[in-house]
Amino acid sequence: MTVTLGPFAPAGERVAGLWIWEVRDLEEAVAWVKPCPNPMPVPSGIEVRPFNVRD
């Protein structure tokens, strides 16, 4: 598995799922992603995109 720091995947790539986590920083987000199992029968990647929610 590879971890890609966003913001955009190349054209033609598809989103297979979406997770939203509330974390302190990008390092914590990557720590959450690393133990995730690869659900695909072929090599795949997970893209990490930061975003802010306005109160």
Protein backbone atom coordinates (compact mmCIF):
# COMPACT_ATOMS: atom_id res chain seq x y z
CA MET A 1 0.00 0.00 0.00
CA THR A 2 1.15 3.54 -0.70
CA VAL A 3 0.10 6.70 1.13
CA THR A 4 -0.21 9.78 -1.08
CA LEU A 5 -0.35 13.29 0.30
CA GLY A 6 -3.06 15.01 -1.85
CA PRO A 7 -4.54 17.31 -2.99
CA PHE A 8 -5.48 15.64 -6.29
CA ALA A 9 -5.25 12.19 -7.83
CA PRO A 10 -4.44 11.90 -11.56
CA ALA A 11 -7.40 11.99 -13.93
CA GLY A 12 -9.00 8.60 -14.40
CA GLU A 13 -8.46 7.45 -10.83
CA ARG A 14 -11.60 6.62 -8.89
CA VAL A 15 -12.61 7.10 -5.29
CA ALA A 16 -13.58 3.76 -3.79
CA GLY A 17 -14.47 5.13 -0.38
CA LEU A 18 -14.17 8.13 1.88
CA TRP A 19 -13.16 8.48 5.52
CA ILE A 20 -13.21 11.69 7.53
CA TRP A 21 -11.12 11.75 10.69
CA GLU A 22 -10.65 14.54 13.19
CA VAL A 23 -6.90 14.58 13.86
CA ARG A 24 -4.37 17.09 15.20
CA ASP A 25 -2.13 17.13 12.13
CA LEU A 26 -1.08 15.33 8.96
CA GLU A 27 1.29 13.05 10.88
CA GLU A 28 -1.59 11.71 12.97
CA ALA A 29 -3.70 11.16 9.83
CA VAL A 30 -0.88 9.17 8.20
CA ALA A 31 -0.53 7.12 11.40
CA TRP A 32 -4.24 6.21 11.12
CA VAL A 33 -3.88 5.23 7.45
CA LYS A 34 -0.77 3.04 7.69
CA PRO A 35 -2.41 0.03 9.42
CA CYS A 36 -5.42 0.04 7.05
CA PRO A 37 -5.65 -3.20 5.07
CA ASN A 38 -5.66 -3.09 1.28
CA PRO A 39 -9.19 -4.18 0.24
CA MET A 40 -8.22 -4.54 -3.42
CA PRO A 41 -6.80 -7.72 -5.03
CA VAL A 42 -4.15 -5.53 -6.73
CA PRO A 43 -1.80 -2.86 -5.32
CA SER A 44 -3.66 0.35 -4.52
CA GLY A 45 -3.16 3.59 -2.65
CA ILE A 46 -4.83 5.83 -0.12
CA GLU A 47 -4.78 9.59 -0.63
CA VAL A 48 -4.73 11.86 2.43
CA ARG A 49 -6.34 15.29 1.94
CA PRO A 50 -6.52 17.90 4.67
CA PHE A 51 -9.58 20.15 4.89
CA ASN A 52 -11.00 22.52 7.44
CA VAL A 53 -14.61 22.71 8.57
CA ARG A 54 -15.84 26.16 9.49
CA ASP A 55 -17.72 26.44 12.76
